[in-house]
Every structure is written in structure tokens, then in C-alpha cells.
PDB file of N, CA and C in Angstrom:
ATOM      1  N   UNK A   1      55.752  10.056  26.647  1.00  0.00           N
ATOM      2  CA  UNK A   1      54.431  10.174  27.231  1.00  0.00           C
ATOM      3  C   UNK A   1      54.396  11.329  28.221  1.00  0.00           C
ATOM      4  N   UNK A   2      53.267  11.984  28.276  1.00  0.00           N
ATOM      5  CA  UNK A   2      53.139  13.145  29.153  1.00  0.00           C
ATOM      6  C   UNK A   2      52.735  12.782  30.575  1.00  0.00           C
ATOM      7  N   UNK A   3      52.221  11.574  30.756  1.00  0.00           N
ATOM      8  CA  UNK A   3      51.811  11.127  32.084  1.00  0.00           C
ATOM      9  C   UNK A   3      52.990  10.439  32.760  1.00  0.00           C
ATOM     10  N   UNK A   4      53.229  10.785  34.015  1.00  0.00           N
ATOM     11  CA  UNK A   4      54.358  10.233  34.764  1.00  0.00           C
ATOM     12  C   UNK A   4      53.865   9.459  35.972  1.00  0.00           C
ATOM     13  N   UNK A   5      54.729   8.610  36.501  1.00  0.00           N
ATOM     14  CA  UNK A   5      54.432   7.853  37.709  1.00  0.00           C
ATOM     15  C   UNK A   5      54.215   8.827  38.866  1.00  0.00           C
ATOM     16  N   UNK A   6      53.152   8.614  39.624  1.00  0.00           N
ATOM     17  CA  UNK A   6      52.854   9.493  40.755  1.00  0.00           C
ATOM     18  C   UNK A   6      51.809  10.552  40.457  1.00  0.00           C
ATOM     19  N   UNK A   7      51.463  10.764  39.186  1.00  0.00           N
ATOM     20  CA  UNK A   7      50.410  11.723  38.823  1.00  0.00           C
ATOM     21  C   UNK A   7      49.055  11.210  39.293  1.00  0.00           C
ATOM     22  N   UNK A   8      48.153  12.137  39.594  1.00  0.00           N
ATOM     23  CA  UNK A   8      46.775  11.781  39.889  1.00  0.00           C
ATOM     24  C   UNK A   8      45.980  11.966  38.607  1.00  0.00           C
ATOM     25  N   UNK A   9      45.267  10.913  38.196  1.00  0.00           N
ATOM     26  CA  UNK A   9      44.530  10.955  36.937  1.00  0.00           C
ATOM     27  C   UNK A   9      43.071  10.568  37.150  1.00  0.00           C
ATOM     28  N   UNK A  10      42.231  10.969  36.192  1.00  0.00           N
ATOM     29  CA  UNK A  10      40.811  10.627  36.200  1.00  0.00           C
ATOM     30  C   UNK A  10      40.500   9.883  34.915  1.00  0.00           C
ATOM     31  N   UNK A  11      39.748   8.778  35.017  1.00  0.00           N
ATOM     32  CA  UNK A  11      39.382   7.984  33.847  1.00  0.00           C
ATOM     33  C   UNK A  11      38.237   8.686  33.131  1.00  0.00           C
ATOM     34  N   UNK A  12      38.396   8.917  31.816  1.00  0.00           N
ATOM     35  CA  UNK A  12      37.427   9.672  31.035  1.00  0.00           C
ATOM     36  C   UNK A  12      36.436   8.798  30.277  1.00  0.00           C
ATOM     37  N   UNK A  13      36.776   7.526  30.038  1.00  0.00           N
ATOM     38  CA  UNK A  13      35.851   6.641  29.333  1.00  0.00           C
ATOM     39  C   UNK A  13      36.105   5.196  29.740  1.00  0.00           C
ATOM     40  N   UNK A  14      35.130   4.340  29.435  1.00  0.00           N
ATOM     41  CA  UNK A  14      35.267   2.922  29.749  1.00  0.00           C
ATOM     42  C   UNK A  14      34.446   2.531  30.963  1.00  0.00           C
ATOM     43  N   UNK A  15      34.660   1.305  31.440  1.00  0.00           N
ATOM     44  CA  UNK A  15      33.898   0.781  32.570  1.00  0.00           C
ATOM     45  C   UNK A  15      34.166   1.526  33.867  1.00  0.00           C
ATOM     46  N   UNK A  16      35.352   2.082  34.022  1.00  0.00           N
ATOM     47  CA  UNK A  16      35.733   2.781  35.249  1.00  0.00           C
ATOM     48  C   UNK A  16      35.643   4.297  35.107  1.00  0.00           C
ATOM     49  N   UNK A  17      34.785   4.778  34.209  1.00  0.00           N
ATOM     50  CA  UNK A  17      34.652   6.212  33.945  1.00  0.00           C
ATOM     51  C   UNK A  17      34.318   6.968  35.232  1.00  0.00           C
ATOM     52  N   UNK A  18      35.069   8.051  35.475  1.00  0.00           N
ATOM     53  CA  UNK A  18      34.839   8.877  36.646  1.00  0.00           C
ATOM     54  C   UNK A  18      35.735   8.556  37.832  1.00  0.00           C
ATOM     55  N   UNK A  19      36.395   7.418  37.825  1.00  0.00           N
ATOM     56  CA  UNK A  19      37.270   7.049  38.939  1.00  0.00           C
ATOM     57  C   UNK A  19      38.583   7.822  38.857  1.00  0.00           C
ATOM     58  N   UNK A  20      39.136   8.131  40.022  1.00  0.00           N
ATOM     59  CA  UNK A  20      40.435   8.791  40.068  1.00  0.00           C
ATOM     60  C   UNK A  20      41.409   7.891  40.822  1.00  0.00           C
ATOM     61  N   UNK A  21      42.683   8.060  40.521  1.00  0.00           N
ATOM     62  CA  UNK A  21      43.704   7.276  41.196  1.00  0.00           C
ATOM     63  C   UNK A  21      45.087   7.737  40.822  1.00  0.00           C
ATOM     64  N   UNK A  22      46.062   7.196  41.529  1.00  0.00           N
ATOM     65  CA  UNK A  22      47.462   7.540  41.303  1.00  0.00           C
ATOM     66  C   UNK A  22      48.064   6.571  40.296  1.00  0.00           C
ATOM     67  N   UNK A  23      48.928   7.091  39.437  1.00  0.00           N
ATOM     68  CA  UNK A  23      49.600   6.256  38.448  1.00  0.00           C
ATOM     69  C   UNK A  23      50.701   5.463  39.155  1.00  0.00           C
ATOM     70  N   UNK A  24      50.609   4.119  39.061  1.00  0.00           N
ATOM     71  CA  UNK A  24      51.583   3.247  39.714  1.00  0.00           C
ATOM     72  C   UNK A  24      52.730   2.870  38.783  1.00  0.00           C
ATOM     73  N   UNK A  25      52.404   2.756  37.485  1.00  0.00           N
ATOM     74  CA  UNK A  25      53.408   2.308  36.516  1.00  0.00           C
ATOM     75  C   UNK A  25      53.077   2.884  35.149  1.00  0.00           C
ATOM     76  N   UNK A  26      54.119   3.217  34.390  1.00  0.00           N
ATOM     77  CA  UNK A  26      53.961   3.717  33.025  1.00  0.00           C
ATOM     78  C   UNK A  26      54.691   2.766  32.083  1.00  0.00           C
ATOM     79  N   UNK A  27      54.002   2.355  31.010  1.00  0.00           N
ATOM     80  CA  UNK A  27      54.589   1.450  30.017  1.00  0.00           C
ATOM     81  C   UNK A  27      54.629   2.194  28.683  1.00  0.00           C
ATOM     82  N   UNK A  28      55.726   2.914  28.383  1.00  0.00           N
ATOM     83  CA  UNK A  28      55.782   3.752  27.181  1.00  0.00           C
ATOM     84  C   UNK A  28      55.706   2.969  25.875  1.00  0.00           C
ATOM     85  N   UNK A  29      56.217   1.754  25.853  1.00  0.00           N
ATOM     86  CA  UNK A  29      56.253   0.976  24.617  1.00  0.00           C
ATOM     87  C   UNK A  29      54.844   0.720  24.075  1.00  0.00           C
ATOM     88  N   UNK A  30      53.886   0.445  24.953  1.00  0.00           N
ATOM     89  CA  UNK A  30      52.510   0.191  24.534  1.00  0.00           C
ATOM     90  C   UNK A  30      51.582   1.360  24.842  1.00  0.00           C
ATOM     91  N   UNK A  31      52.112   2.461  25.360  1.00  0.00           N
ATOM     92  CA  UNK A  31      51.369   3.659  25.759  1.00  0.00           C
ATOM     93  C   UNK A  31      50.261   3.337  26.755  1.00  0.00           C
ATOM     94  N   UNK A  32      50.574   2.472  27.716  1.00  0.00           N
ATOM     95  CA  UNK A  32      49.600   2.109  28.737  1.00  0.00           C
ATOM     96  C   UNK A  32      50.108   2.504  30.106  1.00  0.00           C
ATOM     97  N   UNK A  33      49.163   2.664  31.038  1.00  0.00           N
ATOM     98  CA  UNK A  33      49.508   3.006  32.413  1.00  0.00           C
ATOM     99  C   UNK A  33      48.693   2.136  33.362  1.00  0.00           C
ATOM    100  N   UNK A  34      49.236   1.932  34.565  1.00  0.00           N
ATOM    101  CA  UNK A  34      48.540   1.196  35.613  1.00  0.00           C
ATOM    102  C   UNK A  34      48.131   2.221  36.658  1.00  0.00           C
ATOM    103  N   UNK A  35      46.802   2.290  36.927  1.00  0.00           N
ATOM    104  CA  UNK A  35      46.262   3.266  37.868  1.00  0.00           C
ATOM    105  C   UNK A  35      45.698   2.527  39.080  1.00  0.00           C
ATOM    106  N   UNK A  36      45.997   3.042  40.269  1.00  0.00           N
ATOM    107  CA  UNK A  36      45.547   2.409  41.512  1.00  0.00           C
ATOM    108  C   UNK A  36      44.017   2.434  41.600  1.00  0.00           C
ATOM    109  N   UNK A  37      43.409   1.247  41.749  1.00  0.00           N
ATOM    110  CA  UNK A  37      41.967   1.138  41.911  1.00  0.00           C
ATOM    111  C   UNK A  37      41.165   1.149  40.624  1.00  0.00           C
ATOM    112  N   UNK A  38      41.847   1.100  39.478  1.00  0.00           N
ATOM    113  CA  UNK A  38      41.163   1.150  38.179  1.00  0.00           C
ATOM    114  C   UNK A  38      41.494  -0.103  37.381  1.00  0.00           C
ATOM    115  N   UNK A  39      40.520  -0.623  36.644  1.00  0.00           N
ATOM    116  CA  UNK A  39      40.668  -1.807  35.787  1.00  0.00           C
ATOM    117  C   UNK A  39      41.156  -3.007  36.596  1.00  0.00           C
ATOM    118  N   UNK A  40      40.421  -3.313  37.665  1.00  0.00           N
ATOM    119  CA  UNK A  40      40.798  -4.418  38.544  1.00  0.00           C
ATOM    120  C   UNK A  40      40.265  -5.729  37.984  1.00  0.00           C
ATOM    121  N   UNK A  41      41.155  -6.696  37.838  1.00  0.00           N
ATOM    122  CA  UNK A  41      40.817  -8.031  37.359  1.00  0.00           C
ATOM    123  C   UNK A  41      41.225  -9.028  38.426  1.00  0.00           C
ATOM    124  N   UNK A  42      40.603 -10.196  38.402  1.00  0.00           N
ATOM    125  CA  UNK A  42      40.936 -11.241  39.362  1.00  0.00           C
ATOM    126  C   UNK A  42      41.813 -12.284  38.692  1.00  0.00           C
ATOM    127  N   UNK A  43      42.914 -12.624  39.352  1.00  0.00           N
ATOM    128  CA  UNK A  43      43.870 -13.583  38.812  1.00  0.00           C
ATOM    129  C   UNK A  43      43.906 -14.808  39.719  1.00  0.00           C
ATOM    130  N   UNK A  44      43.777 -15.979  39.119  1.00  0.00           N
ATOM    131  CA  UNK A  44      43.825 -17.223  39.869  1.00  0.00           C
ATOM    132  C   UNK A  44      45.278 -17.646  40.017  1.00  0.00           C
ATOM    133  N   UNK A  45      45.747 -17.777  41.255  1.00  0.00           N
ATOM    134  CA  UNK A  45      47.150 -18.070  41.530  1.00  0.00           C
ATOM    135  C   UNK A  45      47.262 -19.426  42.207  1.00  0.00           C
ATOM    136  N   UNK A  46      48.175 -20.233  41.698  1.00  0.00           N
ATOM    137  CA  UNK A  46      48.446 -21.555  42.253  1.00  0.00           C
ATOM    138  C   UNK A  46      49.526 -21.432  43.319  1.00  0.00           C
ATOM    139  N   UNK A  47      49.451 -22.228  44.380  1.00  0.00           N
ATOM    140  CA  UNK A  47      50.544 -22.183  45.356  1.00  0.00           C
ATOM    141  C   UNK A  47      51.820 -22.758  44.744  1.00  0.00           C
ATOM    142  N   UNK A  48      52.924 -22.043  44.864  1.00  0.00           N
ATOM    143  CA  UNK A  48      54.187 -22.464  44.248  1.00  0.00           C
ATOM    144  C   UNK A  48      55.122 -23.132  45.252  1.00  0.00           C
ATOM    145  N   UNK A  49      55.125 -22.670  46.482  1.00  0.00           N
ATOM    146  CA  UNK A  49      56.002 -23.239  47.509  1.00  0.00           C
ATOM    147  C   UNK A  49      55.150 -23.976  48.538  1.00  0.00           C
ATOM    148  N   UNK A  50      55.780 -24.870  49.250  1.00  0.00           N
ATOM    149  CA  UNK A  50      55.063 -25.602  50.280  1.00  0.00           C
ATOM    150  C   UNK A  50      54.685 -24.652  51.417  1.00  0.00           C
ATOM    151  N   UNK A  51      53.408 -24.689  51.808  1.00  0.00           N
ATOM    152  CA  UNK A  51      52.933 -23.784  52.855  1.00  0.00           C
ATOM    153  C   UNK A  51      52.341 -22.495  52.310  1.00  0.00           C
ATOM    154  N   UNK A  52      52.599 -22.184  51.053  1.00  0.00           N
ATOM    155  CA  UNK A  52      52.057 -20.971  50.433  1.00  0.00           C
ATOM    156  C   UNK A  52      50.618 -21.235  49.998  1.00  0.00           C
ATOM    157  N   UNK A  53      49.785 -20.219  50.120  1.00  0.00           N
ATOM    158  CA  UNK A  53      48.388 -20.373  49.741  1.00  0.00           C
ATOM    159  C   UNK A  53      48.139 -19.876  48.329  1.00  0.00           C
ATOM    160  N   UNK A  54      47.274 -20.574  47.630  1.00  0.00           N
ATOM    161  CA  UNK A  54      46.823 -20.100  46.332  1.00  0.00           C
ATOM    162  C   UNK A  54      45.520 -19.352  46.531  1.00  0.00           C
ATOM    163  N   UNK A  55      44.896 -18.949  45.452  1.00  0.00           N
ATOM    164  CA  UNK A  55      43.615 -18.266  45.578  1.00  0.00           C
ATOM    165  C   UNK A  55      43.380 -17.301  44.443  1.00  0.00           C
ATOM    166  N   UNK A  56      42.382 -16.469  44.638  1.00  0.00           N
ATOM    167  CA  UNK A  56      42.012 -15.474  43.630  1.00  0.00           C
ATOM    168  C   UNK A  56      42.463 -14.114  44.143  1.00  0.00           C
ATOM    169  N   UNK A  57      43.379 -13.486  43.407  1.00  0.00           N
ATOM    170  CA  UNK A  57      43.971 -12.220  43.835  1.00  0.00           C
ATOM    171  C   UNK A  57      43.517 -11.099  42.899  1.00  0.00           C
ATOM    172  N   UNK A  58      42.843 -10.054  43.408  1.00  0.00           N
ATOM    173  CA  UNK A  58      42.501  -8.913  42.551  1.00  0.00           C
ATOM    174  C   UNK A  58      43.726  -8.023  42.347  1.00  0.00           C
ATOM    175  N   UNK A  59      43.947  -7.571  41.109  1.00  0.00           N
ATOM    176  CA  UNK A  59      45.070  -6.677  40.838  1.00  0.00           C
ATOM    177  C   UNK A  59      44.720  -5.723  39.713  1.00  0.00           C
ATOM    178  N   UNK A  60      45.438  -4.601  39.666  1.00  0.00           N
ATOM    179  CA  UNK A  60      45.221  -3.585  38.645  1.00  0.00           C
ATOM    180  C   UNK A  60      45.914  -4.001  37.351  1.00  0.00           C
ATOM    181  N   UNK A  61      45.234  -3.789  36.246  1.00  0.00           N
ATOM    182  CA  UNK A  61      45.790  -4.070  34.926  1.00  0.00           C
ATOM    183  C   UNK A  61      45.910  -2.764  34.157  1.00  0.00           C
ATOM    184  N   UNK A  62      46.780  -2.711  33.141  1.00  0.00           N
ATOM    185  CA  UNK A  62      47.008  -1.467  32.413  1.00  0.00           C
ATOM    186  C   UNK A  62      45.793  -0.996  31.611  1.00  0.00           C
ATOM    187  N   UNK A  63      45.666   0.333  31.489  1.00  0.00           N
ATOM    188  CA  UNK A  63      44.691   0.963  30.602  1.00  0.00           C
ATOM    189  C   UNK A  63      45.458   1.870  29.654  1.00  0.00           C
ATOM    190  N   UNK A  64      44.865   2.180  28.516  1.00  0.00           N
ATOM    191  CA  UNK A  64      45.542   3.047  27.553  1.00  0.00           C
ATOM    192  C   UNK A  64      45.595   4.475  28.091  1.00  0.00           C
ATOM    193  N   UNK A  65      46.685   5.151  27.831  1.00  0.00           N
ATOM    194  CA  UNK A  65      46.889   6.488  28.383  1.00  0.00           C
ATOM    195  C   UNK A  65      45.948   7.533  27.787  1.00  0.00           C
ATOM    196  N   UNK A  66      45.314   7.223  26.646  1.00  0.00           N
ATOM    197  CA  UNK A  66      44.436   8.205  26.014  1.00  0.00           C
ATOM    198  C   UNK A  66      43.078   8.317  26.701  1.00  0.00           C
ATOM    199  N   UNK A  67      42.707   7.353  27.561  1.00  0.00           N
ATOM    200  CA  UNK A  67      41.399   7.426  28.218  1.00  0.00           C
ATOM    201  C   UNK A  67      41.472   8.044  29.603  1.00  0.00           C
ATOM    202  N   UNK A  68      42.632   8.578  29.985  1.00  0.00           N
ATOM    203  CA  UNK A  68      42.758   9.238  31.282  1.00  0.00           C
ATOM    204  C   UNK A  68      43.228  10.672  31.089  1.00  0.00           C
ATOM    205  N   UNK A  69      42.878  11.519  32.055  1.00  0.00           N
ATOM    206  CA  UNK A  69      43.320  12.906  32.043  1.00  0.00           C
ATOM    207  C   UNK A  69      43.991  13.229  33.363  1.00  0.00           C
ATOM    208  N   UNK A  70      45.033  14.027  33.303  1.00  0.00           N
ATOM    209  CA  UNK A  70      45.783  14.399  34.504  1.00  0.00           C
ATOM    210  C   UNK A  70      45.000  15.461  35.269  1.00  0.00           C
ATOM    211  N   UNK A  71      44.936  15.315  36.596  1.00  0.00           N
ATOM    212  CA  UNK A  71      44.273  16.300  37.445  1.00  0.00           C
ATOM    213  C   UNK A  71      45.327  17.268  37.968  1.00  0.00           C
ATOM    214  N   UNK A  72      45.102  18.558  37.732  1.00  0.00           N
ATOM    215  CA  UNK A  72      46.030  19.601  38.183  1.00  0.00           C
ATOM    216  C   UNK A  72      45.938  19.733  39.706  1.00  0.00           C
ATOM    217  N   UNK A  73      47.073  19.709  40.410  1.00  0.00           N
ATOM    218  CA  UNK A  73      47.023  19.835  41.869  1.00  0.00           C
ATOM    219  C   UNK A  73      46.573  21.219  42.349  1.00  0.00           C
ATOM    220  N   UNK A  74      46.751  22.251  41.518  1.00  0.00           N
ATOM    221  CA  UNK A  74      46.386  23.608  41.934  1.00  0.00           C
ATOM    222  C   UNK A  74      44.903  23.892  41.726  1.00  0.00           C
ATOM    223  N   UNK A  75      44.404  23.688  40.484  1.00  0.00           N
ATOM    224  CA  UNK A  75      43.005  24.032  40.188  1.00  0.00           C
ATOM    225  C   UNK A  75      42.058  22.848  40.367  1.00  0.00           C
ATOM    226  N   UNK A  76      42.578  21.625  40.444  1.00  0.00           N
ATOM    227  CA  UNK A  76      41.749  20.451  40.700  1.00  0.00           C
ATOM    228  C   UNK A  76      40.926  19.983  39.519  1.00  0.00           C
ATOM    229  N   UNK A  77      41.227  20.492  38.322  1.00  0.00           N
ATOM    230  CA  UNK A  77      40.480  20.107  37.127  1.00  0.00           C
ATOM    231  C   UNK A  77      41.294  19.142  36.266  1.00  0.00           C
ATOM    232  N   UNK A  78      40.572  18.372  35.446  1.00  0.00           N
ATOM    233  CA  UNK A  78      41.240  17.508  34.479  1.00  0.00           C
ATOM    234  C   UNK A  78      41.789  18.413  33.386  1.00  0.00           C
ATOM    235  N   UNK A  79      43.067  18.249  33.073  1.00  0.00           N
ATOM    236  CA  UNK A  79      43.713  19.151  32.140  1.00  0.00           C
ATOM    237  C   UNK A  79      44.651  18.418  31.203  1.00  0.00           C
ATOM    238  N   UNK A  80      44.982  19.088  30.121  1.00  0.00           N
ATOM    239  CA  UNK A  80      46.039  18.601  29.249  1.00  0.00           C
ATOM    240  C   UNK A  80      47.349  19.199  29.736  1.00  0.00           C
ATOM    241  N   UNK A  81      48.447  18.676  29.230  1.00  0.00           N
ATOM    242  CA  UNK A  81      49.759  19.098  29.718  1.00  0.00           C
ATOM    243  C   UNK A  81      50.514  19.829  28.620  1.00  0.00           C
ATOM    244  N   UNK A  82      51.072  20.981  28.979  1.00  0.00           N
ATOM    245  CA  UNK A  82      51.932  21.739  28.074  1.00  0.00           C
ATOM    246  C   UNK A  82      53.341  21.710  28.655  1.00  0.00           C
ATOM    247  N   UNK A  83      54.295  22.148  27.871  1.00  0.00           N
ATOM    248  CA  UNK A  83      55.680  22.206  28.324  1.00  0.00           C
ATOM    249  C   UNK A  83      56.205  23.618  28.181  1.00  0.00           C
ATOM    250  N   UNK A  84      57.011  24.049  29.152  1.00  0.00           N
ATOM    251  CA  UNK A  84      57.711  25.329  29.094  1.00  0.00           C
ATOM    252  C   UNK A  84      59.172  25.072  29.409  1.00  0.00           C
ATOM    253  N   UNK A  85      60.033  25.887  28.845  1.00  0.00           N
ATOM    254  CA  UNK A  85      61.466  25.776  29.130  1.00  0.00           C
ATOM    255  C   UNK A  85      61.839  26.896  30.092  1.00  0.00           C
ATOM    256  N   UNK A  86      62.274  26.501  31.284  1.00  0.00           N
ATOM    257  CA  UNK A  86      62.702  27.465  32.296  1.00  0.00           C
ATOM    258  C   UNK A  86      64.093  27.083  32.779  1.00  0.00           C
ATOM    259  N   UNK A  87      65.031  27.998  32.671  1.00  0.00           N
ATOM    260  CA  UNK A  87      66.415  27.772  33.093  1.00  0.00           C
ATOM    261  C   UNK A  87      66.998  26.512  32.460  1.00  0.00           C
ATOM    262  N   UNK A  88      66.822  26.362  31.154  1.00  0.00           N
ATOM    263  CA  UNK A  88      67.324  25.224  30.376  1.00  0.00           C
ATOM    264  C   UNK A  88      66.751  23.890  30.855  1.00  0.00           C
ATOM    265  N   UNK A  89      65.573  23.911  31.473  1.00  0.00           N
ATOM    266  CA  UNK A  89      64.892  22.676  31.883  1.00  0.00           C
ATOM    267  C   UNK A  89      63.481  22.686  31.331  1.00  0.00           C
ATOM    268  N   UNK A  90      63.040  21.520  30.874  1.00  0.00           N
ATOM    269  CA  UNK A  90      61.696  21.365  30.340  1.00  0.00           C
ATOM    270  C   UNK A  90      60.751  21.059  31.501  1.00  0.00           C
ATOM    271  N   UNK A  91      59.715  21.872  31.667  1.00  0.00           N
ATOM    272  CA  UNK A  91      58.807  21.757  32.802  1.00  0.00           C
ATOM    273  C   UNK A  91      57.387  21.500  32.305  1.00  0.00           C
ATOM    274  N   UNK A  92      56.682  20.550  32.938  1.00  0.00           N
ATOM    275  CA  UNK A  92      55.285  20.290  32.584  1.00  0.00           C
ATOM    276  C   UNK A  92      54.392  21.337  33.245  1.00  0.00           C
ATOM    277  N   UNK A  93      53.399  21.829  32.472  1.00  0.00           N
ATOM    278  CA  UNK A  93      52.552  22.919  32.934  1.00  0.00           C
ATOM    279  C   UNK A  93      51.094  22.587  32.644  1.00  0.00           C
ATOM    280  N   UNK A  94      50.188  22.987  33.541  1.00  0.00           N
ATOM    281  CA  UNK A  94      48.745  22.830  33.349  1.00  0.00           C
ATOM    282  C   UNK A  94      48.283  23.804  32.272  1.00  0.00           C
ATOM    283  N   UNK A  95      47.469  23.323  31.312  1.00  0.00           N
ATOM    284  CA  UNK A  95      46.981  24.165  30.224  1.00  0.00           C
ATOM    285  C   UNK A  95      45.943  25.172  30.709  1.00  0.00           C
ATOM    286  N   UNK A  96      45.236  24.873  31.806  1.00  0.00           N
ATOM    287  CA  UNK A  96      44.140  25.734  32.265  1.00  0.00           C
ATOM    288  C   UNK A  96      44.609  26.863  33.175  1.00  0.00           C
ATOM    289  N   UNK A  97      45.515  26.554  34.119  1.00  0.00           N
ATOM    290  CA  UNK A  97      45.909  27.586  35.099  1.00  0.00           C
ATOM    291  C   UNK A  97      47.400  27.917  35.060  1.00  0.00           C
ATOM    292  N   UNK A  98      48.146  27.291  34.141  1.00  0.00           N
ATOM    293  CA  UNK A  98      49.594  27.512  33.988  1.00  0.00           C
ATOM    294  C   UNK A  98      50.397  27.175  35.243  1.00  0.00           C
ATOM    295  N   UNK A  99      49.872  26.308  36.100  1.00  0.00           N
ATOM    296  CA  UNK A  99      50.615  25.871  37.280  1.00  0.00           C
ATOM    297  C   UNK A  99      51.602  24.786  36.884  1.00  0.00           C
ATOM    298  N   UNK A 100      52.745  24.796  37.531  1.00  0.00           N
ATOM    299  CA  UNK A 100      53.768  23.792  37.249  1.00  0.00           C
ATOM    300  C   UNK A 100      53.387  22.460  37.877  1.00  0.00           C
ATOM    301  N   UNK A 101      53.499  21.389  37.093  1.00  0.00           N
ATOM    302  CA  UNK A 101      53.227  20.044  37.604  1.00  0.00           C
ATOM    303  C   UNK A 101      54.541  19.446  38.040  1.00  0.00           C
ATOM    304  N   UNK A 102      54.497  18.624  39.093  1.00  0.00           N
ATOM    305  CA  UNK A 102      55.732  18.032  39.617  1.00  0.00           C
ATOM    306  C   UNK A 102      56.386  17.101  38.626  1.00  0.00           C
TER     307      UNK A 102
END
């Protein structure tokens, strides 16, 4: 997958279209990612230990990686990712401004 943990992404389609956030987790097996502040669902939690409180906890759920685009830190636009080989290392590069992505 071209999207990595820590990237800033923008949602391109769905209920959260237009929202931006940081990637918290990448799940390559299902090609899904968890983005901070996107696809928030409420989970009902039962108290498990004595003294612990139960309740309704909002949390982020995974979205498919194809509905998000990476935001380039240099030009600030949603971009696709290319790869270049520099000094025997594969480096991710912005398709629009050729800036190196971390």
C-alpha cells in the first residue's frame, strides 16, 4: 500500500467527504486504513471490572484506502504517490510537485 501511518489524507467520497485527518493505522490485508476523526461509530461497552464504567464510546473505524488521497506537505494538494530510487533506496514522491514524502 502506498499510504503509510502518519500521512495526512483527505476523504474523497462517502459520508465524510472533504474531511482531513492523520492515518492512525494501516491494515494491508484488507486494504483499509483508520483515519483520525473519520468514520466515527458509537460502540456500546459493558463494564468488565468492578468499579469500571460502561457506556457508549465513539471510535474511528476503518475505511477503504481507495476513497482517500494523500495530501502533499509541500504543495498542500491531494496527490497520487510515485516512487523514485535514490541511493539504492525507494522514496515516495508527490506526482504534482515531485516533493519527497516522509
